[in-house]
Every structure is written in structure tokens, then in C-alpha cells.
Amino acid sequence: MIRTYRTSAGSISQKTTELLSQHLHHKSVGEDIKLSIEFGSVGRGGASLFFLFLDVNEYGLSDLPVITATYGSGFFSDSNWVEVLNYNRKAVFPSERIIEIPEVIEIAIFHQIASLVTSGGKLLIEYDSPDHRLTAEALSLGVPPAATPLGGIMLSAGCGVKFINHDFAGGGRSGRRKLIGLRERGDQTDRMLSLSMIKELENFLTWSKDLDWLIQSKTRPIAIATITMLKEKFSL
């Protein structure tokens, strides 16, 4: 049974709840670990608020959501989006048990969320929260989004053919700083964007040796892996 969390789900259409449930509810993200979805309300612009909890056989359902996000769709198939408003890497379970989500589970969660984004759509993920502080620091130093930990996850989920860094946070409607990743369209534009990304990452590898060692150790391997993946994908 799907519950509502904090706010009424009455204003979310049945079509949207069915779509979100199909992609997310009870989806496995690890051994004996599934997602559980709960719905909020529809905000400005028609975005539907939803929450994802972890349902772990050993510990039960997490008390607090690990993901707070919105889903929206426009008239055209390439105008849909998912925005992750908040991510909690530490899942809180009954009896105040706190578990830090392993990276492999984290990747699986974001891959499931990205499955909602259709060709040409957008995945937006905030990086103002403490769990994304390394990505925030790297971006502030000029590291390409595709070489950051968060960008790497988004790209691996198919939502990173191009990135937009929304790097100002004004509160209110402006929200938090976020990365915006575009889903591939499956046309020649993908190749052009990927060639541009390869060039940007190769340039990054030439100057990144002057960065802090921790930033280097986390971003250079992602850049190298991304270059290799893109060249193989487009036979370059």
C-alpha cells in the first residue's frame, strides 16, 4: 500500500501516480533493498512532489525519505523532467538506526530515478547538501560537470549528454545549486555534444594536476573513464 507523506496526494493525477509507481515503487536497488514511494502535492508549473524511502528486509522502512523530488511533463515528450530537491545519504530506520547508503546503492537509486526521463528530457540534482560537497567544491574550481562524482552518476544513468551548472542559489523559487543533465535524443546532436565533452575533459586532464590531491583523485579517474566510454560509444 502506498502512503502519502506530509502532504495530500489528492491533487496529483492518477496517471502520474501510476507512472511514478511503475518506475520506482518496490524497485530493487540492492540485495533485499527496495524503494518505496510516497506522494506529496502538485506545485507551481505542474510539478508533482514525491518521496523515496528505503525498504530493507533487515531494518524495515526508513523513517525519513532518502530522496525528495518532483516530476513534471510538458506537451512534448522531450519536455519532461525529474528534479531531486534533497538527497540524504544517511538513512534513518526505526529504533533510530542510521545506515550510510553505500555508493553502489546510491548509483542504483539515481538510475531508477533517471528511468523517468525520456529522450531529450532533463534530470536535475541539487549539490548544495553536505552529501554532495565534493562535487560542489570541484565545480567551484572549474572541474567539468562530467568529471564530478555527481555528474558521473548522472552520465552513467543516461542523463549527461550535456550538463548545465545552475550554480547560484537564491532561496525561494531559485532553490539550491544543481546540475542539470540532458537525456540523449538518439540523433546526430548526441555525437556533436559528446565530441565537445571529450575535448573539455581532455583539456581538464592537462591542467587538473595543479588541483588539490583529493579533488584530483576523485575527478581525474571519472574524466578518463568518461572519455574512454564516449570514444568507444561513437567509435572515435
Protein backbone atom coordinates (compact mmCIF):
# COMPACT_ATOMS: atom_id res chain seq x y z
CA MET A 1 0.00 0.00 0.00
CA ILE A 2 1.34 3.45 -0.99
CA ARG A 3 1.00 6.10 1.71
CA THR A 4 1.16 9.86 1.49
CA TYR A 5 3.98 11.71 3.24
CA ARG A 6 3.32 15.04 4.97
CA THR A 7 1.05 16.47 2.26
CA SER A 8 -2.05 15.38 0.43
CA ALA A 9 -1.69 13.46 -2.80
CA GLY A 10 -5.20 14.30 -3.89
CA SER A 11 -4.10 16.85 -6.48
CA ILE A 12 -1.69 14.50 -8.26
CA SER A 13 -3.32 12.84 -11.23
CA GLN A 14 -3.83 9.11 -11.25
CA LYS A 15 -1.83 8.90 -14.48
CA THR A 16 1.19 10.48 -12.79
CA THR A 17 0.98 8.35 -9.64
CA GLU A 18 0.75 5.22 -11.79
CA LEU A 19 3.76 6.29 -13.86
CA LEU A 20 5.91 7.10 -10.84
CA SER A 21 4.88 3.90 -9.09
CA GLN A 22 5.66 1.82 -12.17
CA HIS A 23 9.21 3.19 -12.36
CA LEU A 24 10.02 3.48 -8.66
CA HIS A 25 7.77 1.66 -6.20
CA HIS A 26 9.20 -1.65 -4.94
CA LYS A 27 12.10 -1.41 -7.41
CA SER A 28 15.21 -3.25 -6.23
CA VAL A 29 18.34 -1.16 -5.63
CA GLY A 30 20.35 -3.86 -3.89
CA GLU A 31 20.10 -7.25 -2.27
CA ASP A 32 16.95 -7.23 -0.09
CA ILE A 33 16.67 -3.45 -0.58
CA LYS A 34 13.77 -1.83 -2.42
CA LEU A 35 12.42 1.65 -2.96
CA SER A 36 9.11 2.75 -1.52
CA ILE A 37 7.35 5.82 -2.91
CA GLU A 38 5.01 8.25 -1.21
CA PHE A 39 3.32 11.23 -2.81
CA GLY A 40 3.02 14.89 -1.95
CA SER A 41 1.16 17.57 -3.90
CA VAL A 42 1.35 19.39 -7.23
CA GLY A 43 3.23 22.69 -7.13
CA ARG A 44 3.71 25.58 -9.48
CA GLY A 45 4.29 24.55 -13.08
CA GLY A 46 2.52 21.25 -12.54
CA ALA A 47 5.46 19.51 -10.83
CA SER A 48 4.39 16.51 -8.72
CA LEU A 49 6.17 16.11 -5.41
CA PHE A 50 7.22 12.62 -4.32
CA PHE A 51 9.41 10.96 -1.70
CA LEU A 52 11.50 7.80 -1.86
CA PHE A 53 12.19 5.65 1.19
CA LEU A 54 14.35 2.56 1.53
CA ASP A 55 12.62 -0.69 2.41
CA VAL A 56 15.26 -3.05 3.80
CA ASN A 57 14.37 -6.59 4.82
CA GLU A 58 16.61 -6.45 7.87
CA TYR A 59 15.62 -3.00 9.16
CA GLY A 60 12.19 -2.22 7.70
CA LEU A 61 11.08 1.03 6.08
CA SER A 62 13.23 4.11 6.63
CA ASP A 63 11.61 6.74 8.84
CA LEU A 64 12.67 9.64 6.62
CA PRO A 65 12.86 9.88 2.82
CA VAL A 66 16.28 9.43 1.25
CA ILE A 67 15.07 11.32 -1.82
CA THR A 68 12.70 14.28 -2.10
CA ALA A 69 11.95 15.10 -5.73
CA THR A 70 9.49 16.48 -8.24
CA TYR A 71 8.35 15.12 -11.59
CA GLY A 72 6.95 17.20 -14.40
CA SER A 73 5.98 16.67 -18.01
CA GLY A 74 5.14 19.09 -20.79
CA PHE A 75 3.21 18.78 -24.01
CA PHE A 76 6.17 17.34 -25.89
CA SER A 77 7.98 14.11 -24.96
CA ASP A 78 11.30 15.94 -24.63
CA SER A 79 9.97 18.42 -22.07
CA ASN A 80 9.71 16.11 -19.06
CA TRP A 81 12.00 16.35 -16.07
CA VAL A 82 12.82 14.98 -12.64
CA GLU A 83 14.36 17.26 -10.05
CA VAL A 84 15.97 15.84 -6.92
CA LEU A 85 15.43 18.53 -4.29
CA ASN A 86 17.20 16.72 -1.47
CA TYR A 87 19.23 13.56 -1.01
CA ASN A 88 20.06 12.00 2.37
CA ARG A 89 22.95 9.56 2.20
CA LYS A 90 22.27 8.52 5.80
CA ALA A 91 19.05 6.52 6.01
CA VAL A 92 17.23 6.57 9.36
CA PHE A 93 15.35 3.41 10.33
CA PRO A 94 13.12 2.51 13.30
CA SER A 95 14.83 2.46 16.71
CA GLU A 96 17.00 5.35 15.46
CA ARG A 97 19.26 3.04 13.49
CA ILE A 98 21.25 5.09 10.98
CA ILE A 99 22.83 3.47 7.92
CA GLU A 100 25.07 5.30 5.44
CA ILE A 101 24.00 4.34 1.92
CA PRO A 102 26.83 2.59 0.02
CA GLU A 103 27.88 4.08 -3.31
CA VAL A 104 26.59 1.10 -5.28
CA ILE A 105 23.11 1.55 -3.75
CA GLU A 106 23.25 5.30 -4.33
CA ILE A 107 24.02 4.77 -8.03
CA ALA A 108 21.16 2.27 -8.33
CA ILE A 109 18.73 4.78 -6.75
CA PHE A 110 19.65 7.54 -9.18
CA HIS A 111 19.49 5.14 -12.11
CA GLN A 112 15.90 4.29 -11.18
CA ILE A 113 15.01 7.96 -10.89
CA ALA A 114 16.60 8.66 -14.27
CA SER A 115 14.41 5.99 -15.86
CA LEU A 116 11.56 8.52 -15.68
CA VAL A 117 13.36 10.91 -18.03
CA THR A 118 12.51 10.39 -21.69
CA SER A 119 14.61 11.30 -24.74
CA GLY A 120 15.58 14.96 -24.62
CA GLY A 121 14.29 15.37 -21.06
CA LYS A 122 16.20 16.65 -18.04
CA LEU A 123 17.44 15.27 -14.73
CA LEU A 124 18.17 17.95 -12.14
CA ILE A 125 20.01 17.11 -8.92
CA GLU A 126 20.95 19.54 -6.17
CA TYR A 127 24.53 19.64 -4.95
CA ASP A 128 24.13 22.04 -2.03
CA SER A 129 23.57 19.29 0.53
CA PRO A 130 26.56 18.03 2.57
CA ASP A 131 26.50 14.67 0.76
CA HIS A 132 27.49 16.42 -2.49
CA ARG A 133 30.10 18.76 -1.04
CA LEU A 134 32.95 17.25 -3.10
CA THR A 135 31.01 17.86 -6.32
CA ALA A 136 30.28 21.43 -5.16
CA GLU A 137 33.95 22.10 -4.42
CA ALA A 138 35.10 20.59 -7.71
CA LEU A 139 32.63 22.67 -9.73
CA SER A 140 33.73 25.84 -7.92
CA LEU A 141 37.29 25.11 -9.07
CA GLY A 142 36.26 24.79 -12.71
CA VAL A 143 36.12 21.00 -12.96
CA PRO A 144 33.78 19.98 -15.82
CA PRO A 145 30.46 18.60 -14.52
CA ALA A 146 31.08 15.29 -16.32
CA ALA A 147 34.21 14.75 -14.19
CA THR A 148 32.49 15.27 -10.83
CA PRO A 149 31.11 12.40 -8.72
CA LEU A 150 27.51 13.57 -9.20
CA GLY A 151 27.98 14.25 -12.90
CA GLY A 152 29.50 10.81 -13.36
CA ILE A 153 26.44 9.17 -11.80
CA MET A 154 24.08 11.21 -13.97
CA LEU A 155 26.02 10.41 -17.12
CA SER A 156 26.07 6.70 -16.30
CA ALA A 157 22.29 6.89 -15.87
CA GLY A 158 21.94 8.26 -19.40
CA CYS A 159 21.24 11.86 -18.38
CA GLY A 160 24.52 13.57 -19.15
CA VAL A 161 24.91 14.07 -22.88
CA LYS A 162 25.13 17.74 -21.88
CA PHE A 163 25.32 19.45 -18.49
CA ILE A 164 24.17 22.83 -17.28
CA ASN A 165 25.53 24.04 -13.96
CA HIS A 166 22.91 26.08 -12.13
CA ASP A 167 25.49 27.45 -9.71
CA PHE A 168 23.58 30.12 -7.84
CA ALA A 169 21.14 29.61 -5.01
CA GLY A 170 18.85 32.41 -4.02
CA GLY A 171 16.30 30.52 -1.99
CA GLY A 172 12.60 30.55 -2.74
CA ARG A 173 11.88 29.68 -6.35
CA SER A 174 15.60 29.76 -7.22
CA GLY A 175 16.21 26.76 -4.97
CA ARG A 176 19.56 25.12 -4.40
CA ARG A 177 22.54 24.88 -6.70
CA LYS A 178 22.00 21.98 -9.06
CA LEU A 179 23.37 20.07 -12.02
CA ILE A 180 21.06 19.70 -14.99
CA GLY A 181 21.76 16.69 -17.20
CA LEU A 182 20.11 16.15 -20.58
CA ARG A 183 18.92 12.74 -21.76
CA GLU A 184 20.20 11.65 -25.19
CA ARG A 185 17.95 12.19 -28.20
CA GLY A 186 19.43 9.37 -30.26
CA ASP A 187 20.41 11.62 -33.17
CA GLN A 188 23.47 13.34 -34.62
CA THR A 189 23.29 16.01 -31.93
CA ASP A 190 24.37 13.42 -29.35
CA ARG A 191 27.60 12.82 -31.25
CA MET A 192 28.36 16.54 -31.53
CA LEU A 193 27.75 17.11 -27.84
CA SER A 194 29.88 14.09 -26.92
CA LEU A 195 32.77 15.33 -29.06
CA SER A 196 32.59 18.66 -27.26
CA MET A 197 32.54 16.88 -23.89
CA ILE A 198 35.59 14.79 -24.80
CA LYS A 199 37.51 17.93 -25.75
CA GLU A 200 36.53 19.62 -22.49
CA LEU A 201 37.59 16.61 -20.41
CA GLU A 202 40.89 16.17 -22.25
CA ASN A 203 41.66 19.84 -21.61
CA PHE A 204 40.77 19.32 -17.95
CA LEU A 205 43.30 16.49 -17.67
CA THR A 206 46.06 18.83 -18.82
CA TRP A 207 45.52 21.44 -16.10
CA SER A 208 43.98 19.43 -13.25
CA LYS A 209 47.39 18.34 -11.94
CA ASP A 210 47.54 21.64 -10.08
CA LEU A 211 44.38 20.91 -8.11
CA ASP A 212 44.17 19.63 -4.55
CA TRP A 213 45.14 15.97 -4.40
CA LEU A 214 41.74 14.84 -3.09
CA ILE A 215 39.92 16.63 -5.92
CA GLN A 216 42.32 15.08 -8.43
CA SER A 217 41.87 11.59 -7.03
CA LYS A 218 38.08 11.82 -7.30
CA THR A 219 37.69 13.63 -10.62
CA ARG A 220 40.51 12.57 -12.95
CA PRO A 221 39.52 8.86 -12.95
CA ILE A 222 35.93 9.86 -13.79
CA ALA A 223 37.16 12.08 -16.63
CA ILE A 224 39.36 9.31 -18.05
CA ALA A 225 36.57 6.72 -17.80
CA THR A 226 34.10 9.09 -19.46
CA ILE A 227 36.45 9.85 -22.35
CA THR A 228 37.03 6.14 -22.89
CA MET A 229 33.31 5.36 -22.77
CA LEU A 230 32.37 8.12 -25.22
CA LYS A 231 35.11 7.20 -27.70
CA GLU A 232 34.03 3.58 -27.66
CA LYS A 233 30.36 4.51 -28.00
CA PHE A 234 30.93 6.67 -31.06
CA SER A 235 33.85 4.64 -32.48
CA LEU A 236 36.28 7.55 -32.20
